[in-house]
């Protein structure tokens, strides 16, 4: 957020902070959520970049299309290994996946 906007909000009695602070998350919890979010964004963008439909990815992974929709929407019922499997099916390199995991 722009520093001047932050100061203006504080001057008007608003609290300014991260979503993690608002929700009372630990740093580890916030990091885990951010990793999952970044993976979801990458899955969708890679799928669209190579021109695959949701059903094509579902067929390639032998998963129901509902699982792929849930995966791209960030559903926490989707295991992390399925997210990594989707990225690999889309041709994402190990280095790209590592960048998401190692982001600080």
C-alpha atoms as a PDB file:
ATOM      1  CA  UNK A   1       0.000   0.000   0.000  1.00  0.00           C
ATOM      2  CA  UNK A   2       1.141   3.511  -0.772  1.00  0.00           C
ATOM      3  CA  UNK A   3       2.689   5.123   2.323  1.00  0.00           C
ATOM      4  CA  UNK A   4       0.543   8.274   2.025  1.00  0.00           C
ATOM      5  CA  UNK A   5      -2.659   6.199   1.840  1.00  0.00           C
ATOM      6  CA  UNK A   6      -1.550   4.227   4.878  1.00  0.00           C
ATOM      7  CA  UNK A   7      -0.885   7.421   6.849  1.00  0.00           C
ATOM      8  CA  UNK A   8      -4.243   8.889   5.788  1.00  0.00           C
ATOM      9  CA  UNK A   9      -6.088   5.766   6.919  1.00  0.00           C
ATOM     10  CA  UNK A  10      -4.261   5.735  10.256  1.00  0.00           C
ATOM     11  CA  UNK A  11      -4.996   9.446  10.743  1.00  0.00           C
ATOM     12  CA  UNK A  12      -8.693   8.677  10.273  1.00  0.00           C
ATOM     13  CA  UNK A  13      -8.665   5.965  12.933  1.00  0.00           C
ATOM     14  CA  UNK A  14      -8.270   2.871  10.752  1.00  0.00           C
ATOM     15  CA  UNK A  15      -5.939  -0.007  11.537  1.00  0.00           C
ATOM     16  CA  UNK A  16      -3.591  -0.939   8.720  1.00  0.00           C
ATOM     17  CA  UNK A  17      -1.996  -4.363   8.448  1.00  0.00           C
ATOM     18  CA  UNK A  18      -1.850  -7.608   6.540  1.00  0.00           C
ATOM     19  CA  UNK A  19      -4.626 -10.158   6.218  1.00  0.00           C
ATOM     20  CA  UNK A  20      -2.517 -12.482   8.353  1.00  0.00           C
ATOM     21  CA  UNK A  21      -2.368  -9.918  11.148  1.00  0.00           C
ATOM     22  CA  UNK A  22      -6.128  -9.364  10.912  1.00  0.00           C
ATOM     23  CA  UNK A  23      -6.818 -13.105  11.105  1.00  0.00           C
ATOM     24  CA  UNK A  24      -4.245 -13.707  13.834  1.00  0.00           C
ATOM     25  CA  UNK A  25      -2.210 -16.132  11.730  1.00  0.00           C
ATOM     26  CA  UNK A  26       1.277 -17.208  12.631  1.00  0.00           C
ATOM     27  CA  UNK A  27       4.043 -16.453  10.131  1.00  0.00           C
ATOM     28  CA  UNK A  28       4.117 -20.152   9.153  1.00  0.00           C
ATOM     29  CA  UNK A  29       0.360 -20.218   8.529  1.00  0.00           C
ATOM     30  CA  UNK A  30       0.529 -17.067   6.431  1.00  0.00           C
ATOM     31  CA  UNK A  31       3.459 -18.479   4.422  1.00  0.00           C
ATOM     32  CA  UNK A  32       1.588 -21.743   3.785  1.00  0.00           C
ATOM     33  CA  UNK A  33      -1.500 -19.866   2.568  1.00  0.00           C
ATOM     34  CA  UNK A  34       0.627 -17.692   0.287  1.00  0.00           C
ATOM     35  CA  UNK A  35       2.355 -20.763  -1.198  1.00  0.00           C
ATOM     36  CA  UNK A  36      -1.005 -22.392  -1.944  1.00  0.00           C
ATOM     37  CA  UNK A  37      -2.331 -19.158  -3.446  1.00  0.00           C
ATOM     38  CA  UNK A  38       0.743 -18.729  -5.659  1.00  0.00           C
ATOM     39  CA  UNK A  39       0.409 -22.329  -6.856  1.00  0.00           C
ATOM     40  CA  UNK A  40      -3.272 -21.821  -7.732  1.00  0.00           C
ATOM     41  CA  UNK A  41      -2.455 -18.686  -9.702  1.00  0.00           C
ATOM     42  CA  UNK A  42       0.378 -20.443 -11.539  1.00  0.00           C
ATOM     43  CA  UNK A  43      -1.771 -23.480 -12.372  1.00  0.00           C
ATOM     44  CA  UNK A  44      -4.478 -21.338 -13.924  1.00  0.00           C
ATOM     45  CA  UNK A  45      -2.070 -19.067 -15.795  1.00  0.00           C
ATOM     46  CA  UNK A  46      -0.026 -22.006 -17.150  1.00  0.00           C
ATOM     47  CA  UNK A  47      -3.175 -23.857 -18.215  1.00  0.00           C
ATOM     48  CA  UNK A  48      -4.439 -20.782 -20.057  1.00  0.00           C
ATOM     49  CA  UNK A  49      -0.991 -20.038 -21.515  1.00  0.00           C
ATOM     50  CA  UNK A  50      -0.771 -23.431 -23.206  1.00  0.00           C
ATOM     51  CA  UNK A  51      -4.419 -23.287 -24.268  1.00  0.00           C
ATOM     52  CA  UNK A  52      -5.729 -26.173 -22.197  1.00  0.00           C
ATOM     53  CA  UNK A  53      -9.321 -26.279 -21.003  1.00  0.00           C
ATOM     54  CA  UNK A  54     -10.236 -27.397 -17.503  1.00  0.00           C
ATOM     55  CA  UNK A  55     -11.479 -30.672 -18.956  1.00  0.00           C
ATOM     56  CA  UNK A  56      -8.220 -31.295 -20.838  1.00  0.00           C
ATOM     57  CA  UNK A  57      -6.224 -30.887 -17.626  1.00  0.00           C
ATOM     58  CA  UNK A  58      -8.723 -33.079 -15.767  1.00  0.00           C
ATOM     59  CA  UNK A  59      -8.371 -35.788 -18.423  1.00  0.00           C
ATOM     60  CA  UNK A  60      -4.566 -35.575 -18.371  1.00  0.00           C
ATOM     61  CA  UNK A  61      -4.548 -35.954 -14.591  1.00  0.00           C
ATOM     62  CA  UNK A  62      -7.367 -38.527 -14.544  1.00  0.00           C
ATOM     63  CA  UNK A  63      -9.203 -36.361 -12.018  1.00  0.00           C
ATOM     64  CA  UNK A  64     -12.805 -35.104 -12.037  1.00  0.00           C
ATOM     65  CA  UNK A  65     -13.200 -31.624 -13.509  1.00  0.00           C
ATOM     66  CA  UNK A  66     -14.675 -30.498 -10.168  1.00  0.00           C
ATOM     67  CA  UNK A  67     -11.305 -31.228  -8.548  1.00  0.00           C
ATOM     68  CA  UNK A  68      -9.532 -29.065 -11.117  1.00  0.00           C
ATOM     69  CA  UNK A  69     -12.005 -26.221 -10.571  1.00  0.00           C
ATOM     70  CA  UNK A  70     -11.501 -26.526  -6.808  1.00  0.00           C
ATOM     71  CA  UNK A  71      -7.742 -26.666  -7.313  1.00  0.00           C
ATOM     72  CA  UNK A  72      -7.703 -23.408  -9.311  1.00  0.00           C
ATOM     73  CA  UNK A  73     -10.023 -21.668  -6.862  1.00  0.00           C
ATOM     74  CA  UNK A  74      -7.754 -22.403  -3.895  1.00  0.00           C
ATOM     75  CA  UNK A  75      -9.974 -24.927  -2.127  1.00  0.00           C
ATOM     76  CA  UNK A  76      -8.111 -26.130   0.977  1.00  0.00           C
ATOM     77  CA  UNK A  77      -9.577 -29.638   0.565  1.00  0.00           C
ATOM     78  CA  UNK A  78      -7.253 -30.138  -2.409  1.00  0.00           C
ATOM     79  CA  UNK A  79      -3.950 -31.694  -1.290  1.00  0.00           C
ATOM     80  CA  UNK A  80      -0.687 -29.954  -2.140  1.00  0.00           C
ATOM     81  CA  UNK A  81       0.581 -33.002  -4.034  1.00  0.00           C
ATOM     82  CA  UNK A  82      -2.327 -32.685  -6.483  1.00  0.00           C
ATOM     83  CA  UNK A  83      -1.360 -29.052  -7.049  1.00  0.00           C
ATOM     84  CA  UNK A  84       2.220 -30.066  -7.825  1.00  0.00           C
ATOM     85  CA  UNK A  85       0.990 -32.861 -10.087  1.00  0.00           C
ATOM     86  CA  UNK A  86      -1.128 -30.328 -12.027  1.00  0.00           C
ATOM     87  CA  UNK A  87       1.863 -28.025 -12.447  1.00  0.00           C
ATOM     88  CA  UNK A  88       3.991 -30.891 -13.753  1.00  0.00           C
ATOM     89  CA  UNK A  89       1.271 -31.950 -16.221  1.00  0.00           C
ATOM     90  CA  UNK A  90       1.244 -28.368 -17.504  1.00  0.00           C
ATOM     91  CA  UNK A  91       4.980 -28.459 -18.150  1.00  0.00           C
ATOM     92  CA  UNK A  92       5.998 -26.302 -15.218  1.00  0.00           C
ATOM     93  CA  UNK A  93       9.656 -26.824 -14.399  1.00  0.00           C
ATOM     94  CA  UNK A  94      10.919 -27.993 -11.032  1.00  0.00           C
ATOM     95  CA  UNK A  95      12.738 -24.672 -10.786  1.00  0.00           C
ATOM     96  CA  UNK A  96       9.464 -22.721 -11.171  1.00  0.00           C
ATOM     97  CA  UNK A  97       7.859 -24.833  -8.454  1.00  0.00           C
ATOM     98  CA  UNK A  98      10.905 -24.348  -6.230  1.00  0.00           C
ATOM     99  CA  UNK A  99      10.669 -20.565  -6.710  1.00  0.00           C
ATOM    100  CA  UNK A 100       7.150 -20.614  -5.267  1.00  0.00           C
ATOM    101  CA  UNK A 101       8.223 -22.759  -2.324  1.00  0.00           C
ATOM    102  CA  UNK A 102      11.334 -20.678  -1.607  1.00  0.00           C
ATOM    103  CA  UNK A 103       9.677 -17.262  -1.906  1.00  0.00           C
ATOM    104  CA  UNK A 104      10.027 -15.194   1.263  1.00  0.00           C
END
